[in-house]
Amino acid sequence: DAGQLDLVRVLASAGTPIALVLVTGRPRLLHGVEALPQVNAVLQSFLPGPHGGGALADALLGRFEPSGRLPISWPTAASSLLYPHWHAVTQQCDGSRTCGVAWPFGHGLSYSRLQ
């Protein structure tokens, strides 16, 4: 929704650190919001179910460390939607132009740093 993306941009313009929580059933175009310097974290919950709110709150409050890998490639533009989002990235939409992704299939980070 454009209003929600505008809200993130307004918060970012104020210098507020942002943890972007996405509750979606499929990838949505974020129109560059994920690349704003104030967006320090992105948490994708897909469809969390009736107990998802508590689980999201626990993750955001640091009660446990969220971990996981994306089972999809996250598109950056409508032209990226021409290839199926449930397989590894080939960077080719239709063979004639290159399409980027915000996060490739299998991407994921956590709070920890392995040494």
Foldseek 3Di string as FASTA:
>chain_A
DVVVLVVLVVCVVVVAQDAAEAAAQDADASQCSCVRPSHPHYHYCHHVPPCNVVVVVCCVVVVDKDWDFAQFFHFHDPLCVQDPGRDFDPQDNPPPHGGDTPGTGGDIDIPDDDD
